[in-house]
Amino acid sequence: MIVVFDASTFVSAVLKADSIPERALFRALTEPSRLILSQEVESEYREVIFRPKFDRFVSVGRRQLILDTVVVAAERVEPSETVLECRDPKDDKYLALAAAGNADVIVSSDGHHLLPMHPWRGISILSPTDYLALP
């Protein structure tokens, strides 16, 4: 199963050890699943998780460790198609990555923009809980 994670779910995974988002992230990193990542998505992950507002919740070391784990384990895919289909243009990068990487699922916590698009071009868009419930 080829998986894309949006930044909101990635941040939730980093901030809360043994949370549903963290379990979903580690499932996506474990075969037979494959997490795919573009430079644009990696840059957003990096920018968001190192915001000072998160310093009181989780150490910089934990944030760096999880980011490094994802960067090393994920398969790189760089979209060639520009997608302009989400009501929030900042989320189009996840759709473009999913399309370019032939993803099976986008894992998102965005109930306003991404989750209502399920399914998109035959790609499931699921909450972390629903992703974990897949066989």
N, C-alpha and C. Protein backbone atom coordinates (compact mmCIF):
# COMPACT_ATOMS: atom_id res chain seq x y z
N MET A 1 0.85 -1.17 0.00
CA MET A 1 0.00 0.00 0.00
C MET A 1 0.90 1.24 0.00
N ILE A 2 0.67 2.14 -0.93
CA ILE A 2 1.46 3.36 -1.04
C ILE A 2 0.69 4.48 -0.34
N VAL A 3 1.39 5.20 0.54
CA VAL A 3 0.74 6.12 1.47
C VAL A 3 1.37 7.51 1.41
N VAL A 4 0.51 8.53 1.49
CA VAL A 4 0.92 9.92 1.64
C VAL A 4 0.37 10.41 2.98
N PHE A 5 1.18 11.15 3.72
CA PHE A 5 0.75 11.76 4.98
C PHE A 5 0.72 13.26 4.82
N ASP A 6 -0.38 13.89 5.24
CA ASP A 6 -0.39 15.34 5.22
C ASP A 6 0.32 15.87 6.47
N ALA A 7 0.65 17.16 6.45
CA ALA A 7 1.44 17.73 7.55
C ALA A 7 0.69 17.72 8.88
N SER A 8 -0.62 17.91 8.86
CA SER A 8 -1.36 17.93 10.12
C SER A 8 -1.26 16.59 10.84
N THR A 9 -1.33 15.52 10.10
CA THR A 9 -1.23 14.19 10.70
C THR A 9 0.21 13.89 11.11
N PHE A 10 1.16 14.32 10.27
CA PHE A 10 2.57 14.13 10.62
C PHE A 10 2.90 14.86 11.92
N VAL A 11 2.46 16.10 12.05
CA VAL A 11 2.72 16.86 13.27
C VAL A 11 2.08 16.20 14.48
N SER A 12 0.85 15.72 14.33
CA SER A 12 0.19 15.02 15.44
C SER A 12 0.98 13.78 15.85
N ALA A 13 1.52 13.07 14.87
CA ALA A 13 2.32 11.88 15.17
C ALA A 13 3.58 12.25 15.94
N VAL A 14 4.21 13.33 15.57
CA VAL A 14 5.45 13.76 16.22
C VAL A 14 5.17 14.26 17.64
N LEU A 15 4.07 14.97 17.82
CA LEU A 15 3.78 15.59 19.11
C LEU A 15 3.30 14.61 20.18
N LYS A 16 2.66 13.50 19.75
CA LYS A 16 2.04 12.61 20.72
C LYS A 16 2.55 11.18 20.55
N ALA A 17 3.46 10.78 21.42
CA ALA A 17 3.98 9.42 21.39
C ALA A 17 2.85 8.43 21.64
N ASP A 18 2.89 7.32 20.92
CA ASP A 18 1.92 6.23 21.02
C ASP A 18 0.48 6.68 20.75
N SER A 19 0.34 7.74 19.98
CA SER A 19 -0.98 8.21 19.58
C SER A 19 -1.42 7.47 18.32
N ILE A 20 -2.68 7.63 17.98
CA ILE A 20 -3.18 7.02 16.74
C ILE A 20 -2.41 7.56 15.53
N PRO A 21 -2.18 8.89 15.43
CA PRO A 21 -1.39 9.36 14.29
C PRO A 21 0.03 8.77 14.25
N GLU A 22 0.67 8.63 15.41
CA GLU A 22 2.01 8.05 15.42
C GLU A 22 1.96 6.58 14.98
N ARG A 23 0.99 5.84 15.46
CA ARG A 23 0.87 4.44 15.03
C ARG A 23 0.60 4.34 13.53
N ALA A 24 -0.20 5.26 13.02
CA ALA A 24 -0.48 5.28 11.59
C ALA A 24 0.79 5.60 10.80
N LEU A 25 1.58 6.55 11.28
CA LEU A 25 2.83 6.89 10.60
C LEU A 25 3.78 5.70 10.56
N PHE A 26 3.94 5.02 11.69
CA PHE A 26 4.86 3.87 11.71
C PHE A 26 4.32 2.72 10.88
N ARG A 27 3.01 2.58 10.78
CA ARG A 27 2.46 1.56 9.87
C ARG A 27 2.83 1.90 8.43
N ALA A 28 2.73 3.18 8.08
CA ALA A 28 3.06 3.59 6.71
C ALA A 28 4.55 3.37 6.38
N LEU A 29 5.37 3.32 7.41
CA LEU A 29 6.82 3.12 7.22
C LEU A 29 7.22 1.64 7.26
N THR A 30 6.25 0.77 7.51
CA THR A 30 6.53 -0.65 7.68
C THR A 30 5.98 -1.44 6.49
N GLU A 31 6.82 -2.27 5.89
CA GLU A 31 6.37 -3.10 4.76
C GLU A 31 5.20 -3.95 5.19
N PRO A 32 4.24 -4.16 4.32
CA PRO A 32 4.25 -3.91 2.89
C PRO A 32 3.85 -2.49 2.49
N SER A 33 3.55 -1.61 3.47
CA SER A 33 3.23 -0.23 3.13
C SER A 33 4.49 0.52 2.73
N ARG A 34 4.29 1.58 1.94
CA ARG A 34 5.41 2.45 1.56
C ARG A 34 4.94 3.88 1.64
N LEU A 35 5.62 4.67 2.45
CA LEU A 35 5.34 6.10 2.53
C LEU A 35 6.09 6.78 1.40
N ILE A 36 5.41 7.67 0.68
CA ILE A 36 6.09 8.44 -0.36
C ILE A 36 6.17 9.90 0.09
N LEU A 37 7.21 10.57 -0.40
CA LEU A 37 7.52 11.91 0.05
C LEU A 37 8.13 12.71 -1.09
N SER A 38 7.69 13.94 -1.24
CA SER A 38 8.29 14.86 -2.21
C SER A 38 9.10 15.90 -1.43
N GLN A 39 9.93 16.63 -2.14
CA GLN A 39 10.71 17.67 -1.48
C GLN A 39 9.80 18.74 -0.89
N GLU A 40 8.72 19.08 -1.60
CA GLU A 40 7.80 20.10 -1.11
C GLU A 40 7.11 19.66 0.18
N VAL A 41 6.70 18.40 0.25
CA VAL A 41 6.05 17.89 1.46
C VAL A 41 7.07 17.81 2.60
N GLU A 42 8.27 17.32 2.31
CA GLU A 42 9.31 17.27 3.35
C GLU A 42 9.59 18.67 3.90
N SER A 43 9.67 19.64 3.04
CA SER A 43 9.94 21.02 3.48
C SER A 43 8.84 21.52 4.41
N GLU A 44 7.59 21.18 4.08
CA GLU A 44 6.50 21.60 4.96
C GLU A 44 6.59 20.89 6.31
N TYR A 45 6.84 19.58 6.30
CA TYR A 45 7.00 18.85 7.56
C TYR A 45 8.06 19.56 8.42
N ARG A 46 9.21 19.83 7.82
CA ARG A 46 10.36 20.41 8.54
C ARG A 46 9.99 21.80 9.10
N GLU A 47 9.38 22.62 8.28
CA GLU A 47 9.05 23.98 8.70
C GLU A 47 8.05 23.96 9.86
N VAL A 48 7.06 23.10 9.78
CA VAL A 48 6.00 23.10 10.79
C VAL A 48 6.48 22.50 12.11
N ILE A 49 7.15 21.36 12.08
CA ILE A 49 7.48 20.70 13.36
C ILE A 49 8.54 21.43 14.17
N PHE A 50 9.30 22.31 13.54
CA PHE A 50 10.32 23.04 14.30
C PHE A 50 9.87 24.44 14.71
N ARG A 51 8.57 24.69 14.61
CA ARG A 51 8.05 25.96 15.10
C ARG A 51 8.23 26.03 16.61
N PRO A 52 8.65 27.19 17.11
CA PRO A 52 8.89 27.33 18.56
C PRO A 52 7.68 26.99 19.42
N LYS A 53 6.46 27.16 18.89
CA LYS A 53 5.27 26.89 19.71
C LYS A 53 5.17 25.43 20.14
N PHE A 54 5.91 24.53 19.46
CA PHE A 54 5.87 23.11 19.84
C PHE A 54 6.94 22.73 20.86
N ASP A 55 7.85 23.66 21.17
CA ASP A 55 8.95 23.36 22.08
C ASP A 55 8.47 22.88 23.44
N ARG A 56 7.35 23.39 23.91
CA ARG A 56 6.87 23.00 25.24
C ARG A 56 6.21 21.63 25.26
N PHE A 57 5.88 21.10 24.06
CA PHE A 57 5.19 19.82 23.98
C PHE A 57 6.13 18.64 23.71
N VAL A 58 7.19 18.89 22.96
CA VAL A 58 8.06 17.78 22.56
C VAL A 58 9.46 18.32 22.26
N SER A 59 10.45 17.51 22.60
CA SER A 59 11.83 17.96 22.42
C SER A 59 12.20 18.09 20.94
N VAL A 60 13.15 18.96 20.68
CA VAL A 60 13.68 19.10 19.33
C VAL A 60 14.28 17.77 18.88
N GLY A 61 14.90 17.05 19.82
CA GLY A 61 15.51 15.76 19.49
C GLY A 61 14.50 14.74 18.97
N ARG A 62 13.35 14.66 19.61
CA ARG A 62 12.31 13.72 19.14
C ARG A 62 11.82 14.15 17.76
N ARG A 63 11.59 15.44 17.58
CA ARG A 63 11.12 15.92 16.28
C ARG A 63 12.13 15.59 15.19
N GLN A 64 13.41 15.83 15.48
CA GLN A 64 14.44 15.56 14.49
C GLN A 64 14.55 14.06 14.20
N LEU A 65 14.46 13.24 15.24
CA LEU A 65 14.56 11.79 15.05
C LEU A 65 13.44 11.25 14.17
N ILE A 66 12.22 11.68 14.41
CA ILE A 66 11.11 11.20 13.60
C ILE A 66 11.22 11.73 12.17
N LEU A 67 11.57 12.99 12.01
CA LEU A 67 11.75 13.53 10.66
C LEU A 67 12.84 12.77 9.93
N ASP A 68 13.97 12.53 10.59
CA ASP A 68 15.07 11.78 9.95
C ASP A 68 14.63 10.38 9.56
N THR A 69 13.87 9.72 10.43
CA THR A 69 13.37 8.38 10.15
C THR A 69 12.50 8.38 8.90
N VAL A 70 11.61 9.35 8.81
CA VAL A 70 10.71 9.45 7.66
C VAL A 70 11.50 9.76 6.39
N VAL A 71 12.41 10.69 6.46
CA VAL A 71 13.18 11.09 5.28
C VAL A 71 14.00 9.93 4.73
N VAL A 72 14.58 9.14 5.62
CA VAL A 72 15.39 8.00 5.19
C VAL A 72 14.52 6.86 4.66
N ALA A 73 13.39 6.60 5.32
CA ALA A 73 12.57 5.44 4.97
C ALA A 73 11.63 5.68 3.79
N ALA A 74 11.21 6.90 3.58
CA ALA A 74 10.22 7.18 2.54
C ALA A 74 10.83 7.07 1.15
N GLU A 75 9.96 6.71 0.22
CA GLU A 75 10.36 6.68 -1.19
C GLU A 75 10.14 8.07 -1.77
N ARG A 76 11.12 8.56 -2.50
CA ARG A 76 11.03 9.90 -3.10
C ARG A 76 10.24 9.86 -4.40
N VAL A 77 9.29 10.78 -4.50
CA VAL A 77 8.50 10.95 -5.71
C VAL A 77 8.35 12.45 -5.92
N GLU A 78 8.72 12.93 -7.10
CA GLU A 78 8.56 14.35 -7.41
C GLU A 78 7.47 14.49 -8.47
N PRO A 79 6.35 15.09 -8.10
CA PRO A 79 5.24 15.25 -9.04
C PRO A 79 5.62 16.10 -10.25
N SER A 80 5.11 15.70 -11.39
CA SER A 80 5.30 16.50 -12.60
C SER A 80 4.01 17.23 -12.97
N GLU A 81 2.90 16.76 -12.42
CA GLU A 81 1.60 17.37 -12.69
C GLU A 81 1.27 18.39 -11.59
N THR A 82 0.79 19.54 -11.99
CA THR A 82 0.29 20.52 -11.03
C THR A 82 -1.19 20.22 -10.79
N VAL A 83 -1.55 20.06 -9.53
CA VAL A 83 -2.94 19.78 -9.16
C VAL A 83 -3.50 21.02 -8.49
N LEU A 84 -4.66 21.45 -8.94
CA LEU A 84 -5.34 22.62 -8.37
C LEU A 84 -6.80 22.25 -8.11
N GLU A 85 -7.00 21.27 -7.20
CA GLU A 85 -8.35 20.75 -6.99
C GLU A 85 -8.86 20.86 -5.56
N CYS A 86 -8.00 21.20 -4.61
CA CYS A 86 -8.44 21.28 -3.22
C CYS A 86 -8.90 22.70 -2.91
N ARG A 87 -9.90 22.80 -2.05
CA ARG A 87 -10.37 24.13 -1.64
C ARG A 87 -9.27 24.92 -0.93
N ASP A 88 -8.34 24.22 -0.30
CA ASP A 88 -7.17 24.86 0.31
C ASP A 88 -5.98 24.59 -0.61
N PRO A 89 -5.52 25.59 -1.35
CA PRO A 89 -4.43 25.38 -2.31
C PRO A 89 -3.15 24.81 -1.68
N LYS A 90 -2.95 25.02 -0.37
CA LYS A 90 -1.77 24.47 0.29
C LYS A 90 -1.81 22.94 0.35
N ASP A 91 -3.00 22.36 0.20
CA ASP A 91 -3.14 20.90 0.26
C ASP A 91 -3.01 20.23 -1.10
N ASP A 92 -2.95 21.02 -2.16
CA ASP A 92 -2.80 20.44 -3.50
C ASP A 92 -1.50 19.63 -3.63
N LYS A 93 -0.48 19.97 -2.85
CA LYS A 93 0.79 19.24 -2.92
C LYS A 93 0.63 17.76 -2.54
N TYR A 94 -0.30 17.47 -1.64
CA TYR A 94 -0.53 16.07 -1.23
C TYR A 94 -1.25 15.31 -2.34
N LEU A 95 -2.18 15.98 -2.99
CA LEU A 95 -2.88 15.36 -4.12
C LEU A 95 -1.91 15.10 -5.27
N ALA A 96 -1.06 16.08 -5.55
CA ALA A 96 -0.08 15.92 -6.63
C ALA A 96 0.89 14.78 -6.33
N LEU A 97 1.34 14.68 -5.09
CA LEU A 97 2.24 13.60 -4.69
C LEU A 97 1.53 12.25 -4.81
N ALA A 98 0.31 12.18 -4.33
CA ALA A 98 -0.45 10.92 -4.40
C ALA A 98 -0.65 10.49 -5.84
N ALA A 99 -0.99 11.43 -6.73
CA ALA A 99 -1.18 11.10 -8.14
C ALA A 99 0.12 10.63 -8.78
N ALA A 100 1.20 11.34 -8.51
CA ALA A 100 2.49 11.00 -9.12
C ALA A 100 3.03 9.66 -8.63
N GLY A 101 2.75 9.35 -7.38
CA GLY A 101 3.27 8.12 -6.79
C GLY A 101 2.31 6.95 -6.83
N ASN A 102 1.18 7.12 -7.53
CA ASN A 102 0.16 6.06 -7.58
C ASN A 102 -0.24 5.59 -6.19
N ALA A 103 -0.45 6.54 -5.30
CA ALA A 103 -0.79 6.22 -3.91
C ALA A 103 -2.14 5.52 -3.83
N ASP A 104 -2.26 4.71 -2.81
CA ASP A 104 -3.53 4.06 -2.49
C ASP A 104 -4.33 4.89 -1.51
N VAL A 105 -3.62 5.65 -0.67
CA VAL A 105 -4.29 6.38 0.39
C VAL A 105 -3.50 7.63 0.77
N ILE A 106 -4.25 8.68 1.09
CA ILE A 106 -3.71 9.88 1.74
C ILE A 106 -4.26 9.85 3.16
N VAL A 107 -3.37 9.93 4.14
CA VAL A 107 -3.80 9.96 5.54
C VAL A 107 -3.81 11.43 5.97
N SER A 108 -4.98 11.88 6.42
CA SER A 108 -5.16 13.29 6.73
C SER A 108 -6.03 13.47 7.96
N SER A 109 -5.78 14.57 8.66
CA SER A 109 -6.63 14.97 9.78
C SER A 109 -7.42 16.22 9.42
N ASP A 110 -7.37 16.61 8.16
CA ASP A 110 -7.99 17.83 7.67
C ASP A 110 -9.45 17.57 7.28
N GLY A 111 -10.33 17.72 8.25
CA GLY A 111 -11.74 17.45 8.02
C GLY A 111 -12.46 18.50 7.19
N HIS A 112 -11.81 19.62 6.93
CA HIS A 112 -12.44 20.69 6.15
C HIS A 112 -12.10 20.63 4.68
N HIS A 113 -10.91 20.15 4.33
CA HIS A 113 -10.47 20.22 2.94
C HIS A 113 -10.19 18.86 2.31
N LEU A 114 -9.30 18.08 2.91
CA LEU A 114 -8.90 16.82 2.26
C LEU A 114 -9.89 15.68 2.50
N LEU A 115 -10.25 15.43 3.73
CA LEU A 115 -11.13 14.29 4.02
C LEU A 115 -12.44 14.33 3.23
N PRO A 116 -13.07 15.49 3.05
CA PRO A 116 -14.31 15.51 2.26
C PRO A 116 -14.11 15.17 0.78
N MET A 117 -12.88 15.14 0.30
CA MET A 117 -12.61 14.81 -1.10
C MET A 117 -12.56 13.30 -1.34
N HIS A 118 -12.66 12.50 -0.28
CA HIS A 118 -12.58 11.03 -0.39
C HIS A 118 -13.74 10.49 -1.23
N PRO A 119 -13.48 9.61 -2.15
CA PRO A 119 -12.18 9.29 -2.74
C PRO A 119 -11.85 10.31 -3.84
N TRP A 120 -10.58 10.51 -4.09
CA TRP A 120 -10.12 11.44 -5.11
C TRP A 120 -9.32 10.67 -6.15
N ARG A 121 -9.80 10.68 -7.37
CA ARG A 121 -9.16 9.96 -8.48
C ARG A 121 -8.88 8.50 -8.11
N GLY A 122 -9.76 7.91 -7.36
CA GLY A 122 -9.61 6.51 -6.96
C GLY A 122 -8.69 6.31 -5.76
N ILE A 123 -8.19 7.39 -5.19
CA ILE A 123 -7.29 7.33 -4.03
C ILE A 123 -8.12 7.61 -2.78
N SER A 124 -8.02 6.73 -1.80
CA SER A 124 -8.73 6.93 -0.54
C SER A 124 -8.08 8.08 0.23
N ILE A 125 -8.90 8.87 0.88
CA ILE A 125 -8.42 9.91 1.80
C ILE A 125 -9.05 9.59 3.14
N LEU A 126 -8.20 9.13 4.07
CA LEU A 126 -8.69 8.57 5.33
C LEU A 126 -8.06 9.25 6.54
N SER A 127 -8.80 9.26 7.63
CA SER A 127 -8.25 9.71 8.91
C SER A 127 -7.24 8.66 9.38
N PRO A 128 -6.37 9.03 10.32
CA PRO A 128 -5.45 8.02 10.87
C PRO A 128 -6.17 6.80 11.43
N THR A 129 -7.30 7.01 12.09
CA THR A 129 -8.06 5.89 12.66
C THR A 129 -8.56 4.95 11.55
N ASP A 130 -9.11 5.53 10.49
CA ASP A 130 -9.63 4.70 9.40
C ASP A 130 -8.49 4.01 8.65
N TYR A 131 -7.35 4.67 8.52
CA TYR A 131 -6.19 4.04 7.89
C TYR A 131 -5.73 2.82 8.70
N LEU A 132 -5.67 2.98 10.02
CA LEU A 132 -5.25 1.87 10.88
C LEU A 132 -6.24 0.71 10.84
N ALA A 133 -7.50 1.00 10.52
CA ALA A 133 -8.52 -0.05 10.46
C ALA A 133 -8.46 -0.87 9.16
N LEU A 134 -7.69 -0.40 8.18
CA LEU A 134 -7.57 -1.17 6.93
C LEU A 134 -6.89 -2.50 7.19
N PRO A 135 -7.27 -3.52 6.42
CA PRO A 135 -6.61 -4.83 6.62
C PRO A 135 -5.15 -4.79 6.19
